[in-house]
Amino acid sequence: MTVLTEQQLLLRDTARKLMQRIATPEYIRKLDRERLYPYELYDAWIEAGMLALPFPEAYGGLGCDITDLAIVAEELSVPSSDVIMAFGGSMFCGLNVARQGTEEQKRRFLPKLLSGELRMTISMSEPDAGSDIGAMLTTARRDGDHYIISGQKIWATGAGAKDNFINVYVKTDPKANYRQGMSLFLVDNSSPGLEVRKLDMLGRRSVGTYELTFNDVRVPAENLVGGENNGWKCVLAGLQAERAVAAACDCGAARGVFEMALAYAKERKQFTRQIGTFQAVAHMLADMQTEIEAAWSLTLRAAAMVSAGQDALREITMAKLAASEAYVKAANTGMQIMGGFGYSMEFDMQRHYRDARAATIAAGTSQIQRNLIAGLMGLKV
């Protein structure tokens, strides 16, 4: 495993103590049970400067690299792979503004984002356009000093949070290929004509998953990021960093599952013995820890390459695939180890089991990741 620097250990320990203080099991259970956005936890991240880590110092950031961010994200994800989505949404949408926005947009949005005055989330998928981004139908047309957005989006994580600007990808040239005809807009989620509906999902119920309907929503032209028809450039600009941190989040949540299952195996007794001393259970835990550590090593390697400015497409794809599948498998194994207690809504394993299932679907399915890896080998699939 990669040896962490003294500064990275300090960052990790700070994140761990914050989560232990705020994100208690009782708090996370309440968020899941009552479908509440983690405003208190989000405010604690802001106060501790967690959100500011990767942003340039000129805009109030701390100038840390992606490896530092991955280490913090892994720790923040241990209690829940759901609440971390609030952190990631604001961070990566904000970084897109930092990379692709005008100087005026950076000055306007980034200080407010880092102070917690506003949030950001992303919206790209549509009912008929998930992995096939080229099938996007939502459009924006110029009307004076505004654009008018019409269409429907779905699976928009966190879109209903208060004080939120949704980073919406739409077609601005319907006749062009999506790589030449897509644009990115920052849309206030309280805009007239925008309907925001929270969906009833199996898991990840706190931050929430939303359906968005744009009924001729007027958006100021100054909220166009990267220039008209340059949305694909915005997508690619932060893809590798985002995938590396997404993998770190899955590693952290998987570690949370492992720690829970291990503690149970040491405490629970059957036939006068701790169940962890039975080889069948011990081997499940050994495999779980090994797979999580392997995914984490892949993730740190990918993050280090991104931090060094290297092309890490293969490495981040492998890390995302390994980490998401490790989390799903860990949650399934954790349920088996805990038996009826894991299946009970009074215990936390069932929440991880529900939340984990989205890991191999969101941000690129496992099948898409495998296709990409194969393609990088020179294999056309």
Protein backbone atom coordinates (compact mmCIF):
# COMPACT_ATOMS: atom_id res chain seq x y z
CA MET A 1 0.00 0.00 0.00
CA THR A 2 1.20 3.53 -0.77
CA VAL A 3 2.88 5.20 2.18
CA LEU A 4 1.10 8.43 3.09
CA THR A 5 2.99 11.61 3.88
CA GLU A 6 2.71 13.32 7.24
CA GLN A 7 0.41 15.96 5.73
CA GLN A 8 -1.81 13.28 4.18
CA LEU A 9 -2.03 11.45 7.49
CA LEU A 10 -3.09 14.69 9.14
CA LEU A 11 -5.76 15.27 6.49
CA ARG A 12 -7.03 11.73 6.92
CA ASP A 13 -7.16 11.96 10.70
CA THR A 14 -8.94 15.32 10.56
CA ALA A 15 -11.57 13.88 8.23
CA ARG A 16 -11.97 10.79 10.42
CA LYS A 17 -12.49 12.81 13.60
CA LEU A 18 -15.00 15.08 11.89
CA MET A 19 -17.05 12.12 10.66
CA GLN A 20 -16.93 10.40 14.04
CA ARG A 21 -18.18 13.59 15.68
CA ILE A 22 -20.97 14.52 13.26
CA ALA A 23 -21.85 11.45 11.19
CA THR A 24 -22.84 9.20 14.08
CA PRO A 25 -24.77 6.00 13.31
CA GLU A 26 -27.91 7.60 14.74
CA TYR A 27 -27.54 10.65 12.50
CA ILE A 28 -26.94 8.61 9.34
CA ARG A 29 -29.91 6.36 10.17
CA LYS A 30 -32.16 9.38 10.58
CA LEU A 31 -31.06 10.82 7.24
CA ASP A 32 -31.82 7.53 5.49
CA ARG A 33 -35.07 6.85 7.33
CA GLU A 34 -36.53 10.35 6.92
CA ARG A 35 -34.90 11.04 3.53
CA LEU A 36 -33.18 14.19 4.80
CA TYR A 37 -30.36 16.05 3.09
CA PRO A 38 -27.21 16.13 5.31
CA TYR A 39 -27.13 19.90 5.82
CA GLU A 40 -25.43 19.70 9.24
CA LEU A 41 -22.67 17.46 7.91
CA TYR A 42 -22.24 19.60 4.80
CA ASP A 43 -21.81 22.69 6.98
CA ALA A 44 -19.17 20.85 9.02
CA TRP A 45 -17.25 20.01 5.82
CA ILE A 46 -17.37 23.68 4.84
CA GLU A 47 -16.20 24.84 8.26
CA ALA A 48 -13.29 22.38 8.22
CA GLY A 49 -12.23 23.48 4.72
CA MET A 50 -12.80 20.04 3.22
CA LEU A 51 -14.58 21.36 0.15
CA ALA A 52 -11.81 23.90 -0.46
CA LEU A 53 -9.05 21.28 -0.68
CA PRO A 54 -8.55 21.05 -4.48
CA PHE A 55 -9.45 24.62 -5.44
CA PRO A 56 -6.89 27.30 -6.37
CA GLU A 57 -5.84 29.54 -3.52
CA ALA A 58 -6.82 32.59 -5.58
CA TYR A 59 -10.49 31.69 -5.09
CA GLY A 60 -10.30 30.63 -1.46
CA GLY A 61 -9.08 27.09 -2.00
CA LEU A 62 -6.21 25.19 -0.39
CA GLY A 63 -4.44 24.01 -3.55
CA CYS A 64 -4.23 20.31 -2.64
CA ASP A 65 -3.85 17.64 -5.32
CA ILE A 66 -6.12 14.75 -6.30
CA THR A 67 -4.23 12.23 -4.15
CA ASP A 68 -4.89 14.35 -1.07
CA LEU A 69 -8.53 14.63 -2.08
CA ALA A 70 -8.87 10.88 -2.62
CA ILE A 71 -7.48 10.20 0.86
CA VAL A 72 -10.00 12.58 2.43
CA ALA A 73 -12.91 11.32 0.30
CA GLU A 74 -12.17 7.72 1.28
CA GLU A 75 -12.43 8.66 4.95
CA LEU A 76 -15.57 10.77 4.53
CA SER A 77 -17.31 7.84 2.82
CA VAL A 78 -16.84 5.24 5.56
CA PRO A 79 -20.20 5.82 7.32
CA SER A 80 -22.22 6.21 4.11
CA SER A 81 -21.76 6.21 0.35
CA ASP A 82 -24.90 8.33 0.17
CA VAL A 83 -24.03 11.49 2.08
CA ILE A 84 -20.66 11.80 0.34
CA MET A 85 -22.57 12.54 -2.88
CA ALA A 86 -23.38 15.99 -1.49
CA PHE A 87 -19.65 16.63 -1.11
CA GLY A 88 -18.69 15.29 -4.52
CA GLY A 89 -21.43 17.12 -6.41
CA SER A 90 -20.42 20.56 -5.21
CA MET A 91 -16.72 19.84 -5.50
CA PHE A 92 -16.55 18.53 -9.05
CA CYS A 93 -19.09 20.93 -10.49
CA GLY A 94 -17.14 23.75 -8.86
CA LEU A 95 -13.88 22.43 -10.28
CA ASN A 96 -15.45 22.51 -13.73
CA VAL A 97 -16.14 26.20 -13.23
CA ALA A 98 -12.55 26.65 -12.05
CA ARG A 99 -11.20 24.92 -15.16
CA GLN A 100 -13.62 26.04 -17.87
CA GLY A 101 -15.39 29.13 -16.53
CA THR A 102 -14.65 32.75 -17.28
CA GLU A 103 -12.84 34.84 -14.72
CA GLU A 104 -16.15 36.55 -13.91
CA GLN A 105 -17.81 33.16 -13.32
CA LYS A 106 -14.99 32.03 -11.06
CA ARG A 107 -15.22 35.20 -8.97
CA ARG A 108 -19.00 34.96 -8.86
CA PHE A 109 -19.50 31.31 -7.99
CA LEU A 110 -16.41 29.81 -6.34
CA PRO A 111 -16.17 31.93 -3.15
CA LYS A 112 -19.88 31.34 -2.49
CA LEU A 113 -19.47 27.62 -3.13
CA LEU A 114 -16.52 27.30 -0.75
CA SER A 115 -18.29 29.33 1.95
CA GLY A 116 -21.38 27.12 1.72
CA GLU A 117 -23.58 29.94 0.48
CA LEU A 118 -24.50 27.85 -2.56
CA ARG A 119 -24.21 24.23 -3.67
CA MET A 120 -23.78 22.54 -7.02
CA THR A 121 -24.97 19.27 -8.54
CA ILE A 122 -24.77 17.71 -11.99
CA SER A 123 -27.47 16.62 -14.43
CA MET A 124 -26.64 14.78 -17.62
CA SER A 125 -28.74 11.61 -17.90
CA GLU A 126 -32.15 11.54 -19.55
CA PRO A 127 -34.86 8.85 -19.76
CA ASP A 128 -33.42 7.68 -23.10
CA ALA A 129 -29.85 8.94 -22.68
CA GLY A 130 -27.76 7.36 -19.93
CA SER A 131 -24.55 5.77 -21.13
CA ASP A 132 -25.57 6.88 -24.65
CA ILE A 133 -25.00 10.60 -24.19
CA GLY A 134 -25.48 11.11 -27.91
CA ALA A 135 -29.19 10.39 -27.47
CA MET A 136 -29.63 13.56 -25.38
CA LEU A 137 -32.80 15.47 -26.32
CA THR A 138 -32.93 18.39 -23.86
CA THR A 139 -32.13 21.60 -25.74
CA ALA A 140 -31.24 25.22 -25.11
CA ARG A 141 -31.84 28.01 -27.63
CA ARG A 142 -30.57 31.56 -27.48
CA ASP A 143 -33.11 34.32 -26.83
CA GLY A 144 -31.44 37.67 -26.38
CA ASP A 145 -29.32 37.66 -23.23
CA HIS A 146 -30.88 34.35 -22.09
CA TYR A 147 -31.09 30.74 -23.18
CA ILE A 148 -34.35 28.82 -22.99
CA ILE A 149 -34.00 25.20 -21.84
CA SER A 150 -36.64 22.60 -22.68
CA GLY A 151 -36.65 18.89 -21.96
CA GLN A 152 -36.34 16.32 -19.21
CA LYS A 153 -33.49 14.98 -17.09
CA ILE A 154 -33.39 12.06 -14.67
CA TRP A 155 -31.11 10.52 -12.01
CA ALA A 156 -29.97 14.00 -10.95
CA THR A 157 -28.33 13.42 -7.57
CA GLY A 158 -28.96 16.12 -4.97
CA ALA A 159 -30.78 18.43 -7.38
CA GLY A 160 -33.38 19.44 -4.79
CA ALA A 161 -30.95 20.73 -2.16
CA LYS A 162 -31.51 24.33 -1.12
CA ASP A 163 -29.38 27.10 -2.67
CA ASN A 164 -28.34 24.76 -5.46
CA PHE A 165 -27.14 25.46 -8.98
CA ILE A 166 -27.62 22.44 -11.22
CA ASN A 167 -24.87 21.94 -13.80
CA VAL A 168 -27.02 20.89 -16.74
CA TYR A 169 -25.70 19.47 -20.01
CA VAL A 170 -27.98 20.14 -23.00
CA LYS A 171 -27.86 20.24 -26.80
CA THR A 172 -27.36 23.73 -28.22
CA ASP A 173 -26.90 22.45 -31.77
CA PRO A 174 -29.33 19.52 -32.21
CA LYS A 175 -28.00 18.78 -35.70
CA ALA A 176 -24.39 18.35 -34.58
CA ASN A 177 -22.73 15.37 -32.92
CA TYR A 178 -22.88 15.69 -29.14
CA ARG A 179 -19.15 16.36 -29.05
CA GLN A 180 -19.70 19.51 -31.09
CA GLY A 181 -23.27 20.44 -30.13
CA MET A 182 -23.54 20.15 -26.33
CA SER A 183 -23.25 22.94 -23.75
CA LEU A 184 -23.07 23.30 -19.97
CA PHE A 185 -25.32 25.70 -18.05
CA LEU A 186 -25.56 26.61 -14.38
CA VAL A 187 -29.27 26.58 -13.53
CA ASP A 188 -30.69 27.80 -10.23
CA ASN A 189 -32.96 24.99 -9.01
CA SER A 190 -35.59 27.56 -8.02
CA SER A 191 -35.88 28.90 -11.58
CA PRO A 192 -39.45 29.45 -12.87
CA GLY A 193 -40.54 26.62 -15.13
CA LEU A 194 -38.19 24.04 -13.57
CA GLU A 195 -39.94 21.11 -11.90
CA VAL A 196 -37.78 19.17 -9.44
CA ARG A 197 -39.23 15.84 -8.28
CA LYS A 198 -37.52 13.55 -5.79
CA LEU A 199 -37.69 9.91 -6.83
CA ASP A 200 -38.42 6.99 -4.52
CA MET A 201 -35.24 4.93 -4.77
CA LEU A 202 -34.13 1.67 -3.15
CA GLY A 203 -31.08 3.30 -1.57
CA ARG A 204 -29.15 6.57 -1.32
CA ARG A 205 -32.22 8.28 0.08
CA SER A 206 -30.59 11.18 1.91
CA VAL A 207 -28.98 13.33 -0.79
CA GLY A 208 -31.71 12.11 -3.12
CA THR A 209 -32.18 11.29 -6.79
CA TYR A 210 -34.35 13.62 -8.86
CA GLU A 211 -36.26 13.97 -12.08
CA LEU A 212 -36.05 17.43 -13.70
CA THR A 213 -38.52 18.86 -16.18
CA PHE A 214 -37.53 22.07 -17.99
CA ASN A 215 -40.58 23.94 -19.21
CA ASP A 216 -38.94 26.73 -21.22
CA VAL A 217 -36.65 27.67 -18.33
CA ARG A 218 -34.86 30.97 -18.93
CA VAL A 219 -31.19 30.94 -17.96
CA PRO A 220 -28.90 33.99 -18.22
CA ALA A 221 -26.34 33.66 -20.99
CA GLU A 222 -23.68 34.51 -18.41
CA ASN A 223 -24.39 31.10 -16.82
CA LEU A 224 -23.04 29.27 -19.89
CA VAL A 225 -19.76 27.58 -18.91
CA GLY A 226 -17.00 27.00 -21.44
CA GLY A 227 -18.74 28.63 -24.38
CA GLU A 228 -21.55 27.44 -26.61
CA ASN A 229 -21.21 23.89 -27.95
CA ASN A 230 -18.17 23.21 -25.76
CA GLY A 231 -19.93 21.00 -23.20
CA TRP A 232 -18.02 17.88 -24.19
CA LYS A 233 -14.78 19.67 -23.36
CA CYS A 234 -16.21 20.38 -19.90
CA VAL A 235 -17.10 16.70 -19.45
CA LEU A 236 -13.58 15.56 -20.31
CA ALA A 237 -11.79 18.26 -18.33
CA GLY A 238 -12.34 16.67 -14.96
CA LEU A 239 -13.24 13.11 -15.84
CA GLN A 240 -10.08 11.42 -14.63
CA ALA A 241 -10.00 13.26 -11.31
CA GLU A 242 -13.70 12.60 -10.73
CA ARG A 243 -13.40 8.89 -11.44
CA ALA A 244 -10.38 8.56 -9.15
CA VAL A 245 -12.25 10.19 -6.27
CA ALA A 246 -15.41 8.19 -7.02
CA ALA A 247 -13.32 5.03 -6.65
CA ALA A 248 -11.95 6.35 -3.35
CA CYS A 249 -15.49 6.89 -2.09
CA ASP A 250 -16.43 3.29 -2.90
CA CYS A 251 -13.27 2.09 -1.14
CA GLY A 252 -14.20 4.06 1.97
CA ALA A 253 -17.77 2.79 2.06
CA ALA A 254 -16.51 -0.78 1.51
CA ARG A 255 -14.14 -0.34 4.43
CA GLY A 256 -17.08 0.80 6.54
CA VAL A 257 -18.85 -2.45 5.67
CA PHE A 258 -15.77 -4.53 6.47
CA GLU A 259 -15.25 -2.89 9.85
CA MET A 260 -18.90 -3.46 10.73
CA ALA A 261 -18.82 -7.11 9.66
CA LEU A 262 -15.53 -7.75 11.47
CA ALA A 263 -16.79 -6.24 14.71
CA TYR A 264 -19.92 -8.37 14.51
CA ALA A 265 -17.91 -11.53 13.80
CA LYS A 266 -15.79 -10.90 16.90
CA GLU A 267 -18.81 -10.27 19.12
CA ARG A 268 -21.43 -12.73 17.87
CA LYS A 269 -21.21 -16.24 19.34
CA GLN A 270 -22.66 -19.51 18.11
CA PHE A 271 -21.88 -22.93 19.50
CA THR A 272 -19.95 -21.14 22.30
CA ARG A 273 -17.48 -19.58 19.81
CA GLN A 274 -17.10 -16.22 18.13
CA ILE A 275 -18.38 -16.76 14.58
CA GLY A 276 -15.23 -15.11 13.24
CA THR A 277 -13.24 -18.11 14.44
CA PHE A 278 -15.12 -20.38 12.06
CA GLN A 279 -13.11 -20.78 8.88
CA ALA A 280 -16.09 -20.15 6.62
CA VAL A 281 -16.66 -16.69 8.13
CA ALA A 282 -12.96 -15.88 8.60
CA HIS A 283 -12.26 -16.55 4.92
CA MET A 284 -15.12 -14.29 3.84
CA LEU A 285 -13.60 -11.48 5.91
CA ALA A 286 -10.10 -12.20 4.61
CA ASP A 287 -11.30 -12.03 1.02
CA MET A 288 -13.26 -8.86 1.73
CA GLN A 289 -10.29 -7.04 3.22
CA THR A 290 -7.97 -8.20 0.43
CA GLU A 291 -10.31 -7.00 -2.32
CA ILE A 292 -10.84 -3.62 -0.65
CA GLU A 293 -7.11 -3.06 -0.13
CA ALA A 294 -6.41 -4.05 -3.75
CA ALA A 295 -9.01 -1.55 -4.99
CA TRP A 296 -7.59 1.15 -2.71
CA SER A 297 -4.07 0.55 -4.01
CA LEU A 298 -5.32 0.87 -7.59
CA THR A 299 -7.13 4.05 -6.63
CA LEU A 300 -4.11 5.67 -4.99
CA ARG A 301 -1.97 4.81 -8.00
CA ALA A 302 -4.51 6.35 -10.36
CA ALA A 303 -4.87 9.44 -8.17
CA ALA A 304 -1.08 9.87 -8.03
CA MET A 305 -0.87 9.72 -11.82
CA VAL A 306 -3.63 12.32 -12.20
CA SER A 307 -1.90 14.53 -9.63
CA ALA A 308 1.31 14.28 -11.67
CA GLY A 309 -0.51 15.35 -14.83
CA GLN A 310 -0.20 11.95 -16.49
CA ASP A 311 -2.84 10.27 -18.62
CA ALA A 312 -4.39 7.78 -16.22
CA LEU A 313 -7.48 6.73 -18.18
CA ARG A 314 -6.68 3.02 -17.94
CA GLU A 315 -5.76 3.22 -14.26
CA ILE A 316 -8.79 5.25 -13.16
CA THR A 317 -11.09 2.96 -15.13
CA MET A 318 -9.61 -0.10 -13.45
CA ALA A 319 -9.85 1.61 -10.07
CA LYS A 320 -13.48 2.59 -10.58
CA LEU A 321 -14.37 -0.94 -11.70
CA ALA A 322 -12.50 -2.65 -8.85
CA ALA A 323 -13.71 -0.29 -6.13
CA SER A 324 -17.38 -0.31 -7.09
CA GLU A 325 -17.47 -4.08 -7.39
CA ALA A 326 -15.56 -4.49 -4.12
CA TYR A 327 -18.19 -2.37 -2.37
CA VAL A 328 -21.10 -4.33 -3.82
CA LYS A 329 -19.46 -7.65 -2.94
CA ALA A 330 -18.51 -6.46 0.55
CA ALA A 331 -22.08 -5.38 1.30
CA ASN A 332 -23.42 -8.71 0.06
CA THR A 333 -20.89 -10.65 2.15
CA GLY A 334 -21.56 -8.43 5.15
CA MET A 335 -25.24 -9.29 4.95
CA GLN A 336 -24.37 -12.98 4.90
CA ILE A 337 -22.09 -12.68 7.93
CA MET A 338 -24.64 -10.73 9.97
CA GLY A 339 -27.53 -12.95 8.95
CA GLY A 340 -30.90 -11.79 10.21
CA PHE A 341 -29.37 -8.77 11.94
CA GLY A 342 -27.96 -7.57 8.62
CA TYR A 343 -31.40 -7.92 7.04
CA SER A 344 -33.07 -5.96 9.81
CA MET A 345 -33.87 -2.29 9.22
CA GLU A 346 -32.70 -1.60 12.78
CA PHE A 347 -29.08 -2.29 11.79
CA ASP A 348 -26.82 -0.49 9.31
CA MET A 349 -25.72 -3.33 7.05
CA GLN A 350 -29.00 -3.30 5.13
CA ARG A 351 -28.46 0.39 4.28
CA HIS A 352 -25.01 -0.33 2.87
CA TYR A 353 -26.51 -3.25 0.95
CA ARG A 354 -29.10 -0.93 -0.62
CA ASP A 355 -26.68 1.96 -1.21
CA ALA A 356 -23.91 -0.21 -2.63
CA ARG A 357 -26.06 -1.55 -5.45
CA ALA A 358 -25.85 1.77 -7.26
CA ALA A 359 -22.04 1.77 -7.24
CA THR A 360 -21.70 -0.42 -10.33
CA ILE A 361 -24.36 1.60 -12.19
CA ALA A 362 -23.67 5.27 -11.43
CA ALA A 363 -20.83 7.23 -13.08
CA GLY A 364 -20.43 4.56 -15.74
CA THR A 365 -21.59 0.96 -15.38
CA SER A 366 -19.17 -1.89 -14.83
CA GLN A 367 -19.88 -3.02 -18.38
CA ILE A 368 -18.90 0.41 -19.74
CA GLN A 369 -15.69 0.31 -17.67
CA ARG A 370 -14.80 -3.13 -19.04
CA ASN A 371 -15.47 -1.99 -22.60
CA LEU A 372 -13.17 0.99 -22.05
CA ILE A 373 -10.39 -1.15 -20.59
CA ALA A 374 -10.69 -3.59 -23.47
CA GLY A 375 -10.59 -0.72 -25.95
CA LEU A 376 -7.37 0.56 -24.39
CA MET A 377 -5.90 -2.89 -25.04
CA GLY A 378 -6.68 -2.43 -28.72
CA LEU A 379 -9.75 -4.67 -28.60
CA LYS A 380 -12.93 -3.41 -30.24
CA VAL A 381 -16.01 -4.60 -28.36
